[in-house]
Amino acid sequence: MNKNKAFKVEAIVNSKPSRSVPKGNFSRMNILKQYDDYKKAIIERQPENKNQLLENLMGIKNISNQIEDKNKTFVEIQKKRKMVENEIKSGAKTVENFSILKQLKKNSIAVSKPIEEMEATIFEYCNSLPNLVDPSNPSRKPKIVSWINPKHKVDPSVVEEYQGDRDYSDVYVKDEKLDHYTILTRQKSLMDFYTASNTSGSNCYYLFDELVMLENALITYALTFAKSKGFSITSTPSFAKTPLIAACGYRPTQRDMESQIYTLENTQQALIATSEITLAGYEMTKVFSKSELPIKKCAISRAFRKEADAQGTAVKGLYRVHEFNKVELFVWTTPDKSNETLEELKDLQVELIKSLGLTAQVLQMPNNDLGAPAYKKYDIECWMPGKGAFGEITSTSNCTDFQSRRLLTRYRDFDDENRMLFKYVHTLNGTCMAVPRVILAIVENYYNPETNRITVPEVLVPLMGMKEF
């Protein structure tokens, strides 16, 4: 990593809270109670900074013990101060008592200041930790949960290993005639990467005519679909404050050491990689009543990603691009409902992909593929015959209270004695439509080389006004 890239990464990870983005709140006692679980989460995620995170976790334990010892000393000092103050109030206004009181005040400051410094260190350590991981997650390799419109016979009683022993090479065969890049740039002139590379840089593109109509049809279809599932619709800003980005968990990982984020120079702002960030920020510092939850929002925005892996001919085309339209799902709910909500988001995505007639596999992702906020994640990979592989088109994650603690998003609840409690919501996010990759999948699965025509998926015909192009 060069110095300039390293600086930009640090700018995000070490972003200090702004006036509008809160500092966050952590319970070190909860972390210590789940110490072994946090240790497992760090080890199994395999982040590049694993050793540092393990040191931070150990630091929370060690410093907590030191704080406990100093708190005991502080309490003893305060007791003695109270006794001397009471004696003085009772009339014993002696030089000796005033001298003792003065020394006790000095001792109090001498003990309390290191406690404050240690609390600040513990806060930074807590903030650095990734989320816990769901016990059902695989450790190293994704698990195939189900298939969507499979081209082969599926035995639902058999748990399949991702890219495992089963050989589907006779069913899922690469066909270079179905390569979307060749079809759209040479056969039909509906897409132009070459000119865009001159005007904007690599992995940028122009879309034309029917492809623009297909793009808009997919956006409209996704928004309408989400609304039918109870989501309210919004559009969000395309950039956000870097403290908000950091609070949402966007920081370097083992897969992203140079960051996916485009920072805006000389500002505390950056272009968003997903509207998950701006949606999470919309309700920061909010306190809901329990009856208001769940809250479900669906946003359309531009997404900007460096996509450091997107160089070279192996990823030519729409699979990895720097800017695109994306429809995102976001939910705030109570902790007891977040696992159920994740399944609902996954099922919504399955229903949407199935309605487009695409073949795909639903994967439960392993711990070493999870970003810092995710407790559990599903990806859906669609068959792309021109690419000759399955490629990710949606993802959905349960972030539990990782984001809500950093953004102070809570709800009011009551205990058995009707006392009001403030609890942290759980947040979940999911792709509703990553437009370029779905265009890729539609073109490669619906193109007829003999007629040089692309059939429009039936559900999009009313929005496109045509059955093929």
Protein backbone atom coordinates (compact mmCIF):
# COMPACT_ATOMS: atom_id res chain seq x y z
CA MET A 1 0.00 0.00 0.00
CA ASN A 2 1.56 3.36 -0.97
CA LYS A 3 1.64 6.31 1.41
CA ASN A 4 -1.20 8.19 -0.31
CA LYS A 5 -3.54 5.17 -0.18
CA ALA A 6 -2.53 4.45 3.39
CA PHE A 7 -3.40 8.03 4.35
CA LYS A 8 -6.87 7.76 2.83
CA VAL A 9 -7.53 4.47 4.64
CA GLU A 10 -6.47 6.04 7.95
CA ALA A 11 -8.70 9.04 7.22
CA ILE A 12 -11.74 6.77 7.27
CA VAL A 13 -10.81 4.30 9.99
CA ASN A 14 -9.58 6.97 12.40
CA SER A 15 -12.31 9.47 11.64
CA LYS A 16 -13.30 11.34 14.78
CA PRO A 17 -16.98 11.99 15.47
CA SER A 18 -18.28 15.16 13.84
CA ARG A 19 -20.83 17.47 15.40
CA SER A 20 -23.65 15.52 13.79
CA VAL A 21 -22.24 11.97 13.95
CA PRO A 22 -22.26 10.65 17.56
CA LYS A 23 -19.34 9.12 19.40
CA GLY A 24 -21.02 5.78 20.02
CA ASN A 25 -21.42 3.67 23.12
CA PHE A 26 -20.02 0.27 24.11
CA SER A 27 -20.49 -2.08 27.03
CA ARG A 28 -17.12 -3.49 28.01
CA MET A 29 -18.89 -5.71 30.52
CA ASN A 30 -20.86 -7.35 27.70
CA ILE A 31 -17.66 -7.80 25.71
CA LEU A 32 -15.90 -9.39 28.69
CA LYS A 33 -18.85 -11.73 29.26
CA GLN A 34 -18.51 -12.85 25.63
CA TYR A 35 -14.72 -12.67 25.55
CA ASP A 36 -14.22 -16.13 24.01
CA ASP A 37 -16.89 -15.43 21.38
CA TYR A 38 -15.17 -12.19 20.36
CA LYS A 39 -11.83 -13.98 20.21
CA LYS A 40 -13.34 -16.66 17.96
CA ALA A 41 -14.93 -14.00 15.73
CA ILE A 42 -11.60 -12.23 15.25
CA ILE A 43 -9.67 -15.44 14.52
CA GLU A 44 -12.25 -16.88 12.12
CA ARG A 45 -12.73 -13.64 10.20
CA GLN A 46 -8.98 -13.68 9.41
CA PRO A 47 -8.60 -9.90 9.09
CA GLU A 48 -5.23 -8.50 8.08
CA ASN A 49 -4.94 -6.83 11.50
CA LYS A 50 -5.93 -9.97 13.45
CA ASN A 51 -3.04 -9.75 15.92
CA GLN A 52 -3.78 -6.11 16.69
CA LEU A 53 -7.46 -6.88 17.29
CA LEU A 54 -6.58 -9.75 19.61
CA GLU A 55 -4.26 -7.41 21.50
CA ASN A 56 -7.06 -4.86 21.75
CA LEU A 57 -9.43 -7.51 23.09
CA MET A 58 -6.87 -8.57 25.70
CA GLY A 59 -6.31 -4.89 26.47
CA ILE A 60 -10.01 -4.48 27.32
CA LYS A 61 -9.69 -7.26 29.89
CA ASN A 62 -6.41 -6.03 31.39
CA ILE A 63 -7.36 -2.36 31.56
CA SER A 64 -10.79 -3.22 32.98
CA ASN A 65 -9.03 -4.98 35.89
CA GLN A 66 -6.85 -1.93 36.41
CA ILE A 67 -9.88 0.36 36.36
CA GLU A 68 -11.63 -1.86 38.89
CA ASP A 69 -8.62 -1.62 41.25
CA LYS A 70 -8.38 2.15 40.84
CA ASN A 71 -12.13 2.53 41.35
CA LYS A 72 -11.80 0.75 44.69
CA THR A 73 -9.03 3.19 45.66
CA PHE A 74 -11.15 6.10 44.45
CA VAL A 75 -14.14 4.95 46.52
CA GLU A 76 -11.97 4.71 49.63
CA ILE A 77 -10.66 8.23 49.05
CA GLN A 78 -14.19 9.56 48.60
CA LYS A 79 -15.31 7.89 51.84
CA LYS A 80 -12.46 9.57 53.73
CA ARG A 81 -13.28 12.93 52.10
CA LYS A 82 -16.91 12.58 53.15
CA MET A 83 -15.90 11.82 56.73
CA VAL A 84 -13.58 14.85 56.94
CA GLU A 85 -16.16 17.13 55.30
CA ASN A 86 -18.77 15.98 57.83
CA GLU A 87 -16.35 16.68 60.68
CA ILE A 88 -15.74 20.17 59.35
CA LYS A 89 -19.50 20.77 58.97
CA SER A 90 -19.91 19.63 62.60
CA GLY A 91 -17.53 22.35 63.76
CA ALA A 92 -14.12 20.68 63.67
CA LYS A 93 -12.64 23.37 61.42
CA THR A 94 -9.08 22.58 62.32
CA VAL A 95 -5.96 23.23 60.28
CA GLU A 96 -5.28 19.52 60.30
CA ASN A 97 -8.74 18.65 58.83
CA PHE A 98 -8.41 21.24 56.08
CA SER A 99 -4.92 19.93 55.29
CA ILE A 100 -6.22 16.35 55.14
CA LEU A 101 -9.14 17.38 52.93
CA LYS A 102 -6.80 19.22 50.54
CA GLN A 103 -4.57 16.16 50.23
CA LEU A 104 -7.54 13.85 49.69
CA LYS A 105 -8.75 16.06 46.84
CA LYS A 106 -5.30 15.82 45.23
CA ASN A 107 -5.34 12.05 45.69
CA SER A 108 -8.81 11.89 44.13
CA ILE A 109 -7.63 13.76 41.03
CA ALA A 110 -4.47 11.65 40.85
CA VAL A 111 -6.61 8.49 40.72
CA SER A 112 -9.54 9.72 38.57
CA LYS A 113 -7.46 11.18 35.71
CA PRO A 114 -5.78 7.82 34.84
CA ILE A 115 -9.22 6.19 35.01
CA GLU A 116 -10.51 8.64 32.39
CA GLU A 117 -7.49 7.93 30.18
CA MET A 118 -7.96 4.18 30.53
CA GLU A 119 -11.69 4.50 29.73
CA ALA A 120 -10.76 6.40 26.55
CA THR A 121 -8.33 3.64 25.56
CA ILE A 122 -10.95 0.96 26.19
CA PHE A 123 -13.42 2.90 24.05
CA GLU A 124 -10.98 2.83 21.11
CA TYR A 125 -10.36 -0.88 21.65
CA CYS A 126 -14.10 -1.64 21.74
CA ASN A 127 -14.66 0.46 18.63
CA SER A 128 -12.00 -1.52 16.75
CA LEU A 129 -13.61 -4.92 17.34
CA PRO A 130 -15.67 -6.61 14.62
CA ASN A 131 -19.10 -8.02 15.37
CA LEU A 132 -19.63 -11.49 16.78
CA VAL A 133 -20.45 -14.29 14.32
CA ASP A 134 -23.50 -16.52 14.15
CA PRO A 135 -22.76 -20.06 15.40
CA SER A 136 -24.35 -21.52 12.26
CA ASN A 137 -21.89 -19.76 9.91
CA PRO A 138 -19.43 -21.96 8.03
CA SER A 139 -15.81 -21.14 8.84
CA ARG A 140 -13.98 -21.15 5.52
CA LYS A 141 -16.27 -22.00 2.63
CA PRO A 142 -19.80 -20.84 1.72
CA LYS A 143 -22.69 -23.24 2.21
CA ILE A 144 -25.30 -23.64 -0.53
CA VAL A 145 -28.66 -23.01 1.14
CA SER A 146 -30.87 -23.39 -1.93
CA TRP A 147 -31.06 -22.99 -5.71
CA ILE A 148 -33.16 -20.60 -7.79
CA ASN A 149 -34.43 -21.86 -11.17
CA PRO A 150 -31.74 -24.58 -11.28
CA LYS A 151 -30.77 -26.17 -14.58
CA HIS A 152 -29.96 -29.46 -12.82
CA LYS A 153 -31.91 -31.77 -10.53
CA VAL A 154 -31.66 -30.68 -6.91
CA ASP A 155 -32.03 -32.99 -3.91
CA PRO A 156 -33.23 -30.68 -1.10
CA SER A 157 -32.29 -33.29 1.52
CA VAL A 158 -28.59 -33.01 0.66
CA VAL A 159 -26.52 -30.12 1.95
CA GLU A 160 -24.25 -29.08 -0.88
CA GLU A 161 -20.77 -27.70 -0.40
CA TYR A 162 -19.97 -24.61 -2.44
CA GLN A 163 -17.76 -25.58 -5.40
CA GLY A 164 -17.62 -29.01 -3.84
CA ASP A 165 -17.47 -32.53 -5.19
CA ARG A 166 -20.58 -32.29 -7.33
CA ASP A 167 -19.69 -31.86 -10.99
CA TYR A 168 -22.09 -29.67 -12.97
CA SER A 169 -19.69 -29.06 -15.85
CA ASP A 170 -22.08 -30.75 -18.27
CA VAL A 171 -24.91 -28.39 -17.22
CA TYR A 172 -23.22 -25.07 -16.51
CA VAL A 173 -20.96 -24.59 -19.52
CA LYS A 174 -19.14 -21.43 -20.52
CA ASP A 175 -20.27 -20.10 -23.89
CA GLU A 176 -18.14 -17.29 -25.30
CA LYS A 177 -20.95 -16.41 -27.73
CA LEU A 178 -22.95 -15.29 -24.68
CA ASP A 179 -20.31 -12.89 -23.33
CA HIS A 180 -22.22 -9.72 -22.50
CA TYR A 181 -19.29 -7.42 -23.31
CA THR A 182 -18.98 -8.72 -26.86
CA ILE A 183 -22.76 -8.73 -27.36
CA LEU A 184 -23.33 -5.20 -26.10
CA THR A 185 -20.27 -3.50 -27.57
CA ARG A 186 -19.72 -5.31 -30.87
CA GLN A 187 -22.95 -7.09 -31.80
CA LYS A 188 -25.40 -4.39 -30.72
CA SER A 189 -23.47 -1.16 -29.91
CA LEU A 190 -25.49 -0.57 -26.74
CA MET A 191 -22.51 -0.07 -24.43
CA ASP A 192 -19.18 1.76 -24.70
CA PHE A 193 -16.28 1.28 -22.27
CA TYR A 194 -13.60 2.57 -24.64
CA THR A 195 -14.87 6.14 -24.92
CA ALA A 196 -15.71 6.19 -21.22
CA SER A 197 -12.12 5.23 -20.41
CA ASN A 198 -11.00 8.35 -22.28
CA THR A 199 -13.54 10.67 -20.66
CA SER A 200 -13.62 9.21 -17.14
CA GLY A 201 -11.10 6.41 -16.66
CA SER A 202 -11.03 2.62 -16.60
CA ASN A 203 -14.11 0.58 -15.69
CA CYS A 204 -16.50 3.40 -16.57
CA TYR A 205 -19.12 3.02 -19.29
CA TYR A 206 -21.83 4.52 -21.45
CA LEU A 207 -25.17 2.74 -21.94
CA PHE A 208 -27.45 3.49 -24.91
CA ASP A 209 -31.04 3.12 -26.06
CA GLU A 210 -32.64 -0.21 -25.03
CA LEU A 211 -29.96 -0.82 -22.41
CA VAL A 212 -30.86 2.46 -20.69
CA MET A 213 -34.49 1.41 -20.84
CA LEU A 214 -33.55 -1.95 -19.31
CA GLU A 215 -31.61 -0.18 -16.56
CA ASN A 216 -34.58 2.03 -15.68
CA ALA A 217 -37.00 -0.90 -15.91
CA LEU A 218 -34.92 -2.85 -13.38
CA ILE A 219 -34.84 0.12 -11.00
CA THR A 220 -38.59 0.69 -11.28
CA TYR A 221 -39.30 -3.01 -10.88
CA ALA A 222 -37.09 -3.26 -7.79
CA LEU A 223 -38.62 -0.19 -6.13
CA THR A 224 -42.16 -1.37 -6.87
CA PHE A 225 -41.32 -4.87 -5.63
CA ALA A 226 -39.86 -3.51 -2.37
CA LYS A 227 -42.85 -1.25 -1.80
CA SER A 228 -45.18 -4.24 -2.20
CA LYS A 229 -43.21 -5.89 0.66
CA GLY A 230 -43.80 -3.00 3.05
CA PHE A 231 -40.73 -0.86 2.39
CA SER A 232 -40.99 2.91 2.11
CA ILE A 233 -39.07 4.37 -0.84
CA THR A 234 -36.39 7.05 -0.69
CA SER A 235 -33.41 8.47 -2.54
CA THR A 236 -30.30 9.44 -0.62
CA PRO A 237 -27.22 11.68 -1.01
CA SER A 238 -24.33 10.18 -2.94
CA PHE A 239 -21.69 11.16 -0.38
CA ALA A 240 -21.45 10.97 3.39
CA LYS A 241 -19.28 12.12 6.26
CA THR A 242 -16.33 9.83 6.91
CA PRO A 243 -17.20 9.38 10.63
CA LEU A 244 -20.58 8.00 9.51
CA ILE A 245 -18.86 5.66 7.03
CA ALA A 246 -16.54 4.42 9.79
CA ALA A 247 -19.46 3.97 12.21
CA CYS A 248 -21.20 1.75 9.63
CA GLY A 249 -18.14 -0.50 9.62
CA TYR A 250 -16.52 0.40 6.31
CA ARG A 251 -12.84 -0.09 7.04
CA PRO A 252 -10.01 -2.14 5.55
CA THR A 253 -10.41 -5.90 5.81
CA GLN A 254 -8.55 -8.87 4.48
CA ARG A 255 -10.33 -8.35 1.14
CA ASP A 256 -10.13 -4.59 0.98
CA MET A 257 -6.80 -3.30 2.21
CA GLU A 258 -6.79 -0.22 0.03
CA SER A 259 -10.40 0.67 0.80
CA GLN A 260 -13.34 0.71 -1.57
CA ILE A 261 -14.10 4.29 -0.68
CA TYR A 262 -13.44 7.39 -2.79
CA THR A 263 -12.61 10.14 -0.28
CA LEU A 264 -13.16 13.81 -1.17
CA GLU A 265 -9.85 15.57 -0.69
CA ASN A 266 -9.59 18.19 2.08
CA THR A 267 -13.02 17.27 3.46
CA GLN A 268 -14.45 14.83 5.98
CA GLN A 269 -16.61 13.37 3.22
CA ALA A 270 -16.51 10.47 0.78
CA LEU A 271 -18.62 9.01 -2.01
CA ILE A 272 -20.85 6.19 -0.78
CA ALA A 273 -20.28 2.58 -1.86
CA THR A 274 -23.90 1.81 -0.96
CA SER A 275 -26.88 3.72 0.40
CA GLU A 276 -26.71 1.42 3.44
CA ILE A 277 -24.46 4.17 4.84
CA THR A 278 -26.82 7.08 4.29
CA LEU A 279 -29.84 5.01 5.35
CA ALA A 280 -28.16 3.99 8.62
CA GLY A 281 -27.25 7.62 9.22
CA TYR A 282 -30.80 8.80 8.61
CA GLU A 283 -31.92 7.43 11.99
CA MET A 284 -28.73 8.03 14.00
CA THR A 285 -29.37 9.25 17.59
CA LYS A 286 -33.06 8.40 17.12
CA VAL A 287 -35.01 6.74 19.95
CA PHE A 288 -37.99 4.73 18.67
CA SER A 289 -40.89 3.38 20.62
CA LYS A 290 -40.93 -0.41 20.40
CA SER A 291 -44.27 -0.32 18.60
CA GLU A 292 -42.69 1.65 15.70
CA LEU A 293 -40.38 -1.24 14.83
CA PRO A 294 -39.59 -2.71 12.40
CA ILE A 295 -38.91 0.24 10.11
CA LYS A 296 -38.16 -0.77 6.51
CA LYS A 297 -36.69 1.56 3.90
CA CYS A 298 -35.63 1.03 0.30
CA ALA A 299 -33.29 3.53 -1.35
CA ILE A 300 -32.09 4.26 -4.86
CA SER A 301 -28.68 5.89 -5.20
CA ARG A 302 -25.51 5.94 -7.19
CA ALA A 303 -22.79 3.72 -5.74
CA PHE A 304 -19.08 4.44 -6.10
CA ARG A 305 -16.38 1.82 -5.61
CA LYS A 306 -12.68 1.75 -6.32
CA GLU A 307 -12.88 -1.97 -7.15
CA ALA A 308 -9.12 -2.44 -6.92
CA ASP A 309 -9.51 -5.91 -8.44
CA ALA A 310 -11.23 -4.56 -11.53
CA GLN A 311 -8.13 -4.09 -13.64
CA GLY A 312 -7.35 -6.22 -16.69
CA THR A 313 -9.31 -8.17 -19.26
CA ALA A 314 -10.39 -10.94 -16.86
CA VAL A 315 -13.03 -8.66 -15.37
CA LYS A 316 -13.88 -6.74 -18.54
CA GLY A 317 -17.45 -5.45 -18.66
CA LEU A 318 -20.18 -4.71 -16.16
CA TYR A 319 -19.22 -7.09 -13.36
CA ARG A 320 -16.83 -4.68 -11.63
CA VAL A 321 -17.35 -1.00 -12.33
CA HIS A 322 -16.59 2.17 -10.42
CA GLU A 323 -20.05 3.79 -10.53
CA PHE A 324 -23.53 2.34 -10.87
CA ASN A 325 -27.17 2.52 -9.82
CA LYS A 326 -28.10 0.40 -6.83
CA VAL A 327 -31.37 -0.21 -4.98
CA GLU A 328 -30.75 -1.04 -1.31
CA LEU A 329 -32.93 -2.44 1.50
CA PHE A 330 -32.47 -1.43 5.15
CA VAL A 331 -34.33 -2.48 8.29
CA TRP A 332 -34.29 -1.34 11.93
CA THR A 333 -35.81 -3.92 14.27
CA THR A 334 -35.71 -5.36 17.79
CA PRO A 335 -32.97 -7.90 18.71
CA ASP A 336 -35.45 -10.76 19.07
CA LYS A 337 -36.63 -10.26 15.47
CA SER A 338 -33.36 -9.68 13.60
CA ASN A 339 -32.64 -13.33 12.70
CA GLU A 340 -36.18 -13.71 11.38
CA THR A 341 -35.84 -10.44 9.46
CA LEU A 342 -32.63 -11.64 7.79
CA GLU A 343 -34.48 -14.70 6.49
CA GLU A 344 -37.26 -12.42 5.19
CA LEU A 345 -34.74 -10.25 3.33
CA LYS A 346 -33.11 -13.32 1.83
CA ASP A 347 -36.50 -14.72 0.77
CA LEU A 348 -37.41 -11.36 -0.80
CA GLN A 349 -34.22 -11.45 -2.86
CA VAL A 350 -34.87 -15.06 -3.89
CA GLU A 351 -38.39 -14.16 -5.02
CA LEU A 352 -37.13 -11.20 -7.05
CA ILE A 353 -34.34 -13.14 -8.79
CA LYS A 354 -36.70 -16.05 -9.47
CA SER A 355 -39.22 -13.68 -11.08
CA LEU A 356 -36.52 -12.55 -13.53
CA GLY A 357 -36.06 -16.16 -14.63
CA LEU A 358 -32.39 -16.27 -13.64
CA THR A 359 -30.57 -19.34 -12.32
CA ALA A 360 -28.74 -18.76 -9.06
CA GLN A 361 -27.44 -20.33 -5.86
CA VAL A 362 -28.16 -18.94 -2.39
CA LEU A 363 -25.11 -19.06 -0.13
CA GLN A 364 -24.61 -18.66 3.59
CA MET A 365 -21.26 -16.93 3.73
CA PRO A 366 -18.35 -18.09 5.91
CA ASN A 367 -16.84 -16.08 8.74
CA ASN A 368 -13.70 -15.28 6.73
CA ASP A 369 -15.86 -13.48 4.14
CA LEU A 370 -17.76 -11.24 6.58
CA GLY A 371 -17.13 -7.52 6.85
CA ALA A 372 -16.67 -6.07 10.34
CA PRO A 373 -20.40 -5.24 10.92
CA ALA A 374 -21.93 -8.52 9.71
CA TYR A 375 -23.03 -11.21 12.17
CA LYS A 376 -24.51 -13.42 9.43
CA LYS A 377 -24.69 -12.94 5.67
CA TYR A 378 -26.29 -14.51 2.63
CA ASP A 379 -25.11 -13.95 -0.95
CA ILE A 380 -26.93 -14.91 -4.12
CA GLU A 381 -24.73 -15.86 -7.08
CA CYS A 382 -26.27 -15.95 -10.53
CA TRP A 383 -25.18 -18.16 -13.41
CA MET A 384 -23.46 -16.06 -16.07
CA PRO A 385 -22.75 -18.34 -19.06
CA GLY A 386 -20.63 -15.83 -20.98
CA LYS A 387 -18.46 -15.42 -17.92
CA GLY A 388 -18.57 -19.15 -17.37
CA ALA A 389 -19.15 -18.78 -13.64
CA PHE A 390 -21.61 -17.87 -10.93
CA GLY A 391 -21.31 -14.22 -9.91
CA GLU A 392 -22.66 -12.39 -6.88
CA ILE A 393 -25.70 -10.21 -7.58
CA THR A 394 -27.17 -9.71 -4.09
CA SER A 395 -26.05 -9.79 -0.49
CA THR A 396 -27.93 -9.40 2.80
CA SER A 397 -26.53 -9.10 6.32
CA ASN A 398 -27.64 -8.95 9.93
CA CYS A 399 -25.41 -6.39 11.65
CA THR A 400 -27.12 -6.81 15.08
CA ASP A 401 -26.17 -3.79 17.24
CA PHE A 402 -22.78 -3.09 15.59
CA GLN A 403 -24.02 0.01 13.75
CA SER A 404 -26.69 1.10 16.22
CA ARG A 405 -24.19 1.32 19.10
CA ARG A 406 -21.92 3.51 17.01
CA LEU A 407 -24.83 5.66 15.80
CA LEU A 408 -26.82 5.63 19.09
CA THR A 409 -29.99 4.34 17.45
CA ARG A 410 -32.19 2.91 20.21
CA TYR A 411 -35.75 2.05 21.19
CA ARG A 412 -37.76 2.31 24.40
CA ASP A 413 -38.78 -0.86 26.19
CA PHE A 414 -40.05 -1.73 29.68
CA ASP A 415 -38.95 -4.36 32.18
CA ASP A 416 -41.21 -6.58 34.30
CA GLU A 417 -41.65 -3.77 36.82
CA ASN A 418 -42.66 -1.32 34.09
CA ARG A 419 -39.40 0.63 34.31
CA MET A 420 -38.35 2.26 31.04
CA LEU A 421 -35.25 0.84 29.35
CA PHE A 422 -33.31 2.09 26.35
CA LYS A 423 -32.06 -0.71 24.11
CA TYR A 424 -30.11 -0.73 20.86
CA VAL A 425 -31.96 -1.68 17.69
CA HIS A 426 -30.58 -4.27 15.30
CA THR A 427 -29.89 -3.16 11.73
CA LEU A 428 -30.01 -5.25 8.59
CA ASN A 429 -29.24 -4.43 4.97
CA GLY A 430 -29.64 -6.14 1.64
CA THR A 431 -29.28 -5.59 -2.09
CA CYS A 432 -32.55 -5.18 -3.91
CA MET A 433 -31.00 -4.49 -7.30
CA ALA A 434 -27.33 -4.08 -8.27
CA VAL A 435 -28.21 -2.92 -11.75
CA PRO A 436 -25.07 -3.59 -13.86
CA ARG A 437 -24.65 -7.18 -12.68
CA VAL A 438 -28.31 -7.97 -13.27
CA ILE A 439 -28.08 -6.47 -16.75
CA LEU A 440 -25.05 -8.72 -17.32
CA ALA A 441 -26.98 -11.78 -16.13
CA ILE A 442 -30.05 -10.99 -18.23
CA VAL A 443 -28.02 -10.42 -21.40
CA GLU A 444 -25.95 -13.59 -21.01
CA ASN A 445 -28.98 -15.75 -20.19
CA TYR A 446 -31.49 -14.25 -22.63
CA TYR A 447 -29.36 -13.56 -25.72
CA ASN A 448 -29.99 -15.62 -28.87
CA PRO A 449 -26.83 -15.72 -31.04
CA GLU A 450 -28.80 -16.92 -34.05
CA THR A 451 -31.11 -13.90 -34.12
CA ASN A 452 -28.83 -11.41 -32.33
CA ARG A 453 -31.80 -10.55 -30.10
CA ILE A 454 -32.14 -10.33 -26.32
CA THR A 455 -35.44 -11.50 -24.85
CA VAL A 456 -36.82 -9.25 -22.12
CA PRO A 457 -37.80 -11.10 -18.90
CA GLU A 458 -41.58 -11.34 -18.79
CA VAL A 459 -41.97 -9.18 -15.64
CA LEU A 460 -40.07 -6.34 -17.33
CA VAL A 461 -42.02 -6.32 -20.61
CA PRO A 462 -44.68 -3.83 -19.38
CA LEU A 463 -41.91 -1.50 -18.17
CA MET A 464 -39.78 -1.86 -21.32
CA GLY A 465 -42.68 -1.78 -23.78
CA MET A 466 -41.04 -4.57 -25.80
CA LYS A 467 -40.49 -8.31 -25.62
CA GLU A 468 -37.02 -8.31 -27.15
CA PHE A 469 -34.40 -5.98 -28.56
